[in-house]
N, C-alpha and C. Protein backbone atom coordinates (compact mmCIF):
# COMPACT_ATOMS: atom_id res chain seq x y z
N MET A 1 -35.54 117.70 -144.51
CA MET A 1 -36.11 117.92 -143.40
C MET A 1 -36.29 116.27 -142.66
N PHE A 2 -36.63 115.55 -143.38
CA PHE A 2 -36.95 114.32 -143.17
C PHE A 2 -35.74 113.58 -142.12
N THR A 3 -34.69 113.84 -142.79
CA THR A 3 -33.69 113.25 -142.73
C THR A 3 -33.18 114.07 -141.15
N PHE A 4 -33.36 115.14 -141.13
CA PHE A 4 -32.52 115.66 -139.52
C PHE A 4 -33.56 114.75 -138.89
N ARG A 5 -34.94 114.74 -138.63
CA ARG A 5 -35.58 114.40 -137.74
C ARG A 5 -35.17 112.78 -136.92
N ALA A 6 -34.47 111.93 -138.10
CA ALA A 6 -34.24 110.61 -138.07
C ALA A 6 -32.93 110.83 -137.37
N SER A 7 -32.15 111.85 -137.77
CA SER A 7 -30.58 111.78 -137.18
C SER A 7 -30.64 112.63 -135.57
N ARG A 8 -31.98 113.10 -135.27
CA ARG A 8 -32.03 113.77 -133.97
C ARG A 8 -32.20 112.66 -133.20
N PRO A 9 -33.03 111.77 -133.17
CA PRO A 9 -33.35 110.77 -132.14
C PRO A 9 -32.11 109.51 -131.80
N ARG A 10 -31.45 109.62 -133.15
CA ARG A 10 -30.43 108.78 -132.87
C ARG A 10 -29.10 109.65 -132.45
N THR A 11 -29.09 110.60 -132.61
CA THR A 11 -28.19 111.48 -131.60
C THR A 11 -28.79 111.39 -130.28
N ASP A 12 -30.07 111.44 -129.90
CA ASP A 12 -30.06 111.42 -128.44
C ASP A 12 -30.07 110.18 -127.95
N ASN A 13 -30.24 109.00 -128.86
CA ASN A 13 -29.87 107.37 -128.30
C ASN A 13 -28.44 107.53 -128.05
N LEU A 14 -27.54 108.13 -129.22
CA LEU A 14 -26.27 107.98 -128.59
C LEU A 14 -25.44 108.74 -127.35
N ASP A 15 -26.29 110.04 -127.38
CA ASP A 15 -26.00 111.04 -125.91
C ASP A 15 -26.30 110.29 -124.68
N ARG A 16 -27.78 109.29 -124.44
CA ARG A 16 -27.76 108.63 -123.66
C ARG A 16 -27.12 107.27 -123.24
N LEU A 17 -26.76 106.76 -124.45
CA LEU A 17 -25.77 105.19 -124.23
C LEU A 17 -24.21 105.92 -124.20
N GLU A 18 -24.02 107.27 -124.51
CA GLU A 18 -22.44 108.03 -124.07
C GLU A 18 -22.43 108.36 -122.39
N SER A 19 -23.96 108.58 -122.07
CA SER A 19 -24.03 109.10 -120.58
C SER A 19 -23.91 107.71 -119.86
N ASP A 20 -24.45 106.79 -120.11
CA ASP A 20 -24.82 105.47 -119.40
C ASP A 20 -23.63 104.82 -119.56
N VAL A 21 -22.67 105.00 -120.55
CA VAL A 21 -21.54 104.15 -120.27
C VAL A 21 -20.51 105.27 -119.67
N SER A 22 -20.67 106.46 -119.63
CA SER A 22 -19.92 107.06 -118.79
C SER A 22 -20.04 107.10 -117.10
N GLU A 23 -21.21 106.82 -117.19
CA GLU A 23 -21.90 106.56 -115.42
C GLU A 23 -21.44 105.00 -115.43
N VAL A 24 -21.76 104.14 -116.00
CA VAL A 24 -20.64 103.01 -115.79
C VAL A 24 -19.27 102.77 -115.28
N THR A 25 -18.50 103.80 -116.23
CA THR A 25 -17.47 103.56 -116.20
C THR A 25 -16.79 104.16 -114.65
N HIS A 26 -17.66 105.45 -114.70
CA HIS A 26 -17.05 105.99 -113.55
C HIS A 26 -17.73 105.12 -111.92
N LEU A 27 -18.82 104.57 -112.22
CA LEU A 27 -18.93 103.39 -111.14
C LEU A 27 -17.88 102.43 -110.77
N LEU A 28 -17.30 101.99 -111.97
CA LEU A 28 -16.44 100.89 -112.12
C LEU A 28 -15.19 101.49 -111.54
N LYS A 29 -14.65 102.52 -111.89
CA LYS A 29 -13.39 103.43 -111.57
C LYS A 29 -13.46 103.42 -109.80
N GLU A 30 -14.56 103.70 -109.24
CA GLU A 30 -15.11 104.03 -107.78
C GLU A 30 -15.08 102.67 -107.04
N ASN A 31 -15.70 101.49 -107.88
CA ASN A 31 -15.34 100.22 -107.11
C ASN A 31 -13.95 99.68 -107.28
N VAL A 32 -13.05 100.04 -108.26
CA VAL A 32 -11.81 99.70 -108.33
C VAL A 32 -11.22 100.47 -107.15
N GLU A 33 -11.43 101.82 -106.84
CA GLU A 33 -11.02 102.11 -106.18
C GLU A 33 -11.15 102.03 -104.79
N LYS A 34 -12.53 101.41 -104.37
CA LYS A 34 -12.68 100.61 -103.23
C LYS A 34 -11.88 98.93 -102.93
N VAL A 35 -11.61 98.36 -104.09
CA VAL A 35 -11.26 97.25 -103.70
C VAL A 35 -9.82 97.54 -103.63
N VAL A 36 -9.17 98.51 -104.02
CA VAL A 36 -7.46 98.65 -103.79
C VAL A 36 -7.50 99.07 -102.76
N GLN A 37 -8.35 100.06 -102.27
CA GLN A 37 -8.49 100.31 -100.34
C GLN A 37 -8.34 99.23 -99.48
N ARG A 38 -9.73 98.64 -100.13
CA ARG A 38 -9.84 97.49 -98.96
C ARG A 38 -8.87 96.24 -98.79
N GLY A 39 -8.00 96.13 -100.26
CA GLY A 39 -6.59 95.25 -100.28
C GLY A 39 -5.40 95.96 -99.35
N GLU A 40 -5.56 97.12 -99.53
CA GLU A 40 -4.44 97.98 -98.74
C GLU A 40 -4.74 98.00 -97.26
N LYS A 41 -6.16 97.64 -96.81
CA LYS A 41 -6.36 97.76 -95.14
C LYS A 41 -6.36 95.94 -94.97
N ILE A 42 -6.34 94.99 -95.76
CA ILE A 42 -6.43 93.57 -95.89
C ILE A 42 -4.63 93.64 -95.49
N ASP A 43 -3.71 93.66 -96.06
CA ASP A 43 -2.60 93.94 -96.20
C ASP A 43 -2.01 94.73 -94.70
N ASP A 44 -2.70 95.58 -94.34
CA ASP A 44 -2.32 96.50 -93.12
C ASP A 44 -2.54 95.29 -91.90
N LEU A 45 -3.68 94.50 -91.98
CA LEU A 45 -4.27 93.86 -90.81
C LEU A 45 -3.30 92.26 -91.17
N GLN A 46 -3.05 92.15 -92.26
CA GLN A 46 -2.10 90.92 -92.08
C GLN A 46 -0.60 91.20 -91.30
N THR A 47 -0.23 92.27 -91.60
CA THR A 47 1.16 92.70 -91.34
C THR A 47 0.81 93.03 -89.81
N ARG A 48 -0.29 93.65 -89.13
CA ARG A 48 -0.25 93.82 -87.54
C ARG A 48 -0.63 92.34 -86.97
N SER A 49 -1.58 91.60 -87.93
CA SER A 49 -1.46 89.94 -87.14
C SER A 49 -0.16 89.23 -87.28
N GLU A 50 0.62 89.54 -87.91
CA GLU A 50 2.09 89.11 -88.43
C GLU A 50 2.74 89.43 -86.78
N GLU A 51 2.87 90.52 -86.69
CA GLU A 51 3.39 91.46 -85.79
C GLU A 51 3.08 90.87 -84.46
N LEU A 52 1.51 90.84 -84.24
CA LEU A 52 0.80 90.10 -82.91
C LEU A 52 1.35 88.93 -82.75
N GLN A 53 1.40 88.20 -83.73
CA GLN A 53 2.24 86.68 -83.72
C GLN A 53 3.24 86.52 -83.26
N ALA A 54 4.36 87.41 -83.66
CA ALA A 54 5.72 87.49 -83.61
C ALA A 54 6.01 87.81 -81.92
N GLY A 55 5.06 88.70 -81.96
CA GLY A 55 5.25 89.16 -80.10
C GLY A 55 4.90 88.38 -79.15
N ALA A 56 3.42 87.79 -79.71
CA ALA A 56 2.65 86.50 -78.60
C ALA A 56 4.04 85.26 -78.65
N SER A 57 5.06 85.31 -79.53
CA SER A 57 5.28 83.94 -79.53
C SER A 57 6.82 84.29 -78.89
N HIS A 58 7.44 85.56 -78.84
CA HIS A 58 8.49 86.11 -77.67
C HIS A 58 7.76 86.37 -76.40
N PHE A 59 6.48 86.60 -76.51
CA PHE A 59 6.04 86.78 -74.75
C PHE A 59 6.19 85.12 -74.20
N ASN A 60 5.78 84.26 -75.02
CA ASN A 60 5.78 82.99 -74.91
C ASN A 60 6.84 82.67 -74.05
N ARG A 61 8.14 82.34 -75.14
CA ARG A 61 9.38 82.09 -74.46
C ARG A 61 10.21 82.89 -73.18
N ARG A 62 9.67 84.24 -73.44
CA ARG A 62 10.17 85.06 -72.34
C ARG A 62 9.24 84.60 -70.79
N ALA A 63 8.04 84.21 -70.87
CA ALA A 63 7.30 83.66 -69.87
C ALA A 63 8.09 82.22 -69.48
N GLY A 64 8.42 81.47 -70.35
CA GLY A 64 8.69 80.25 -69.89
C GLY A 64 10.15 80.48 -69.04
N GLN A 65 10.89 81.16 -69.89
CA GLN A 65 12.26 81.62 -69.11
C GLN A 65 12.18 82.32 -67.82
N VAL A 66 11.30 82.78 -67.78
CA VAL A 66 11.00 83.51 -66.21
C VAL A 66 10.56 82.64 -65.08
N ARG A 67 9.51 81.82 -65.62
CA ARG A 67 9.04 80.84 -64.65
C ARG A 67 10.11 79.47 -64.52
N ARG A 68 10.85 78.87 -65.16
CA ARG A 68 11.80 78.36 -64.79
C ARG A 68 13.05 79.22 -64.11
N ARG A 69 13.29 80.30 -64.53
CA ARG A 69 14.36 81.24 -63.35
C ARG A 69 13.40 81.05 -62.06
N MET A 70 12.18 81.55 -62.15
CA MET A 70 11.58 81.72 -60.48
C MET A 70 11.57 80.40 -59.66
N CYS A 71 11.33 79.32 -60.84
CA CYS A 71 11.30 77.91 -60.10
C CYS A 71 12.83 77.48 -59.59
N TRP A 72 14.26 77.83 -60.37
CA TRP A 72 15.09 77.57 -59.51
C TRP A 72 15.23 78.37 -58.65
N GLN A 73 14.87 79.72 -58.78
CA GLN A 73 15.16 80.53 -57.68
C GLN A 73 14.24 80.05 -56.09
N ASN A 74 13.24 79.34 -56.44
CA ASN A 74 12.63 78.81 -55.30
C ASN A 74 13.05 77.90 -54.51
N CYS A 75 13.68 76.98 -55.27
CA CYS A 75 14.65 75.65 -55.47
C CYS A 75 15.61 76.29 -54.16
N ARG A 76 16.42 77.19 -54.66
CA ARG A 76 17.72 77.81 -54.00
C ARG A 76 17.07 78.29 -52.67
N MET A 77 16.17 78.82 -52.64
CA MET A 77 15.82 79.57 -51.08
C MET A 77 15.15 78.72 -50.34
N THR A 78 14.85 77.50 -50.95
CA THR A 78 14.22 76.03 -49.94
C THR A 78 15.26 75.51 -49.47
N CYS A 79 16.34 75.49 -50.35
CA CYS A 79 17.57 74.76 -49.73
C CYS A 79 18.40 75.64 -49.01
N ILE A 80 18.65 76.93 -49.02
CA ILE A 80 19.26 77.82 -47.95
C ILE A 80 18.53 77.70 -46.86
N ILE A 81 17.02 77.78 -46.72
CA ILE A 81 16.39 77.80 -45.59
C ILE A 81 16.54 76.47 -44.67
N ALA A 82 16.55 75.42 -45.31
CA ALA A 82 16.68 74.32 -45.01
C ALA A 82 17.87 74.06 -44.44
N LEU A 83 19.52 74.43 -44.90
CA LEU A 83 20.71 74.42 -44.37
C LEU A 83 20.58 75.47 -43.06
N VAL A 84 20.06 76.60 -43.31
CA VAL A 84 20.13 77.35 -42.26
C VAL A 84 19.11 76.52 -40.86
N ILE A 85 18.09 76.01 -41.15
CA ILE A 85 17.26 75.27 -40.07
C ILE A 85 18.20 74.23 -39.41
N PHE A 86 19.21 73.42 -40.17
CA PHE A 86 19.78 72.33 -40.02
C PHE A 86 21.13 72.70 -39.43
N ILE A 87 21.65 74.03 -39.44
CA ILE A 87 22.81 74.24 -38.77
C ILE A 87 22.13 74.86 -37.47
N ILE A 88 21.03 75.45 -37.57
CA ILE A 88 20.60 76.04 -35.95
C ILE A 88 19.86 74.75 -34.95
N ILE A 89 19.66 73.61 -35.69
CA ILE A 89 19.48 72.28 -34.83
C ILE A 89 20.74 71.53 -34.67
N ALA A 90 21.75 71.47 -35.45
CA ALA A 90 23.32 71.12 -35.15
C ALA A 90 24.04 72.05 -33.99
N VAL A 91 23.64 73.20 -34.10
CA VAL A 91 24.03 74.16 -33.08
C VAL A 91 23.92 73.96 -31.62
N ILE A 92 22.23 73.82 -31.63
CA ILE A 92 21.70 73.47 -30.23
C ILE A 92 21.90 72.29 -29.78
N VAL A 93 22.06 71.07 -30.82
CA VAL A 93 22.29 69.92 -30.39
C VAL A 93 23.55 69.96 -29.64
N THR A 94 24.72 70.33 -30.30
CA THR A 94 26.29 70.63 -29.98
C THR A 94 26.22 71.30 -28.38
N ILE A 95 25.59 72.14 -28.33
CA ILE A 95 25.40 73.03 -26.96
C ILE A 95 24.80 72.07 -25.87
N ILE A 96 23.91 71.69 -26.15
CA ILE A 96 23.33 70.54 -25.32
C ILE A 96 24.20 69.52 -24.97
N LEU A 97 24.98 68.84 -25.94
CA LEU A 97 25.44 67.72 -25.71
C LEU A 97 26.96 68.32 -25.00
N VAL A 98 27.49 69.39 -25.52
CA VAL A 98 28.65 69.98 -24.44
C VAL A 98 28.33 70.15 -23.15
N GLU A 99 27.22 70.45 -22.59
CA GLU A 99 26.93 71.18 -21.58
C GLU A 99 26.35 69.62 -20.33
N LEU A 100 26.08 68.57 -21.27
CA LEU A 100 25.28 67.12 -20.75
C LEU A 100 26.64 66.29 -20.50
N LYS A 101 27.64 66.50 -21.34
CA LYS A 101 28.93 65.49 -21.53
C LYS A 101 28.36 64.22 -21.47
N PRO A 102 27.74 63.41 -22.11
CA PRO A 102 27.27 61.96 -22.13
C PRO A 102 28.28 60.94 -22.35
N TRP A 103 29.02 61.72 -22.71
CA TRP A 103 30.63 60.78 -23.05
C TRP A 103 31.16 60.20 -21.40
N GLU A 104 31.12 61.22 -20.59
CA GLU A 104 31.66 60.97 -19.33
C GLU A 104 30.42 60.13 -18.86
N SER A 105 31.16 58.76 -18.28
CA SER A 105 30.07 58.40 -17.58
C SER A 105 30.13 58.44 -16.25
N SER A 106 29.35 58.35 -15.03
CA SER A 106 29.87 58.18 -13.62
C SER A 106 30.34 56.72 -13.39
N SER A 107 31.30 56.09 -12.21
CA SER A 107 31.56 55.23 -11.99
C SER A 107 30.52 54.43 -11.26
N SER A 108 29.77 54.89 -10.83
CA SER A 108 28.63 54.23 -10.15
C SER A 108 27.85 53.40 -11.24
N GLY A 109 27.84 53.28 -12.61
CA GLY A 109 27.20 52.52 -13.33
C GLY A 109 25.79 52.86 -13.33
N GLY A 110 25.20 53.87 -12.95
CA GLY A 110 23.59 54.20 -12.89
C GLY A 110 23.68 54.83 -14.11
N GLY A 111 24.14 56.00 -14.67
CA GLY A 111 23.73 56.69 -15.84
C GLY A 111 23.17 57.92 -15.88
N GLY A 112 24.11 58.38 -16.43
CA GLY A 112 23.81 60.04 -16.40
C GLY A 112 24.93 60.90 -15.16
N GLY A 113 25.45 61.93 -15.73
CA GLY A 113 26.56 62.77 -14.79
C GLY A 113 25.40 63.40 -13.34
N HIS A 114 24.37 63.50 -13.30
CA HIS A 114 23.70 64.26 -12.93
C HIS A 114 23.36 63.92 -11.50
N ASN A 115 23.68 62.59 -10.80
CA ASN A 115 23.03 62.43 -9.48
C ASN A 115 24.52 61.82 -8.85
N SER A 116 25.61 62.01 -9.70
CA SER A 116 26.98 61.80 -9.25
C SER A 116 27.59 63.20 -8.13
N THR A 117 28.13 62.67 -7.18
CA THR A 117 28.85 63.83 -6.50
C THR A 117 30.12 64.08 -7.08
N VAL A 118 30.30 65.34 -7.08
CA VAL A 118 31.72 65.82 -7.60
C VAL A 118 32.75 65.99 -6.42
N GLN A 119 33.94 65.73 -6.04
CA GLN A 119 34.83 65.99 -5.03
C GLN A 119 35.60 67.46 -5.55
N LEU A 120 35.41 68.21 -4.86
CA LEU A 120 36.26 69.52 -5.32
C LEU A 120 37.51 69.74 -4.24
N SER A 121 38.51 70.03 -4.70
CA SER A 121 39.73 70.10 -4.02
C SER A 121 39.37 71.46 -3.32
N PRO A 122 39.96 71.75 -2.12
CA PRO A 122 39.57 72.90 -1.01
C PRO A 122 39.71 74.16 -1.81
N HIS A 123 41.02 74.26 -2.82
CA HIS A 123 41.14 75.55 -3.57
C HIS A 123 40.03 75.76 -4.70
N GLN A 124 39.25 74.72 -5.22
CA GLN A 124 38.23 75.13 -6.03
C GLN A 124 36.70 75.27 -5.73
N THR A 125 36.14 76.10 -6.44
CA THR A 125 34.74 76.94 -6.07
C THR A 125 33.69 75.78 -7.16
N LEU A 126 32.70 75.91 -7.05
CA LEU A 126 31.64 75.51 -7.89
C LEU A 126 31.65 76.25 -9.51
N LEU A 127 32.15 76.95 -9.58
CA LEU A 127 32.54 77.51 -10.81
C LEU A 127 33.91 77.39 -11.49
N GLY A 128 34.96 76.80 -10.76
CA GLY A 128 36.09 76.11 -11.19
C GLY A 128 37.19 76.87 -11.30
N THR A 129 36.84 78.23 -10.60
CA THR A 129 37.97 79.30 -9.98
C THR A 129 38.62 78.82 -9.10
N SER A 130 39.96 79.12 -8.95
CA SER A 130 40.72 78.81 -8.02
C SER A 130 41.15 79.95 -7.04
N ASP A 131 41.66 80.02 -5.65
CA ASP A 131 41.70 81.07 -4.86
C ASP A 131 42.89 81.78 -5.10
């Protein structure tokens, strides 16, 4: 019977050790699963960050293209407006010159055709029509 008592505590120790080993093994498995999940999450984050980087680079290129296009469009509109203003001024100056006719000078040597008298024939009126 004595041997039975000696084997009983040894069996309890083995059972307790097996239980501890089983518990540690279970904890290790859980920790490994958590590490694997964390690794997957890190991989997902890395993939997302690479996609964001690519999107940001694409956005930057497109923004530069749009900026250049808008600059040229502004330049073009400024040139068109300047040309239209120049044409309007040229038309106004041409009309004024045609009306004043500064190239026709009077023989009195005074300057300008406004103070000179105009001789009309009896058949002409002031509007330049004849009877």
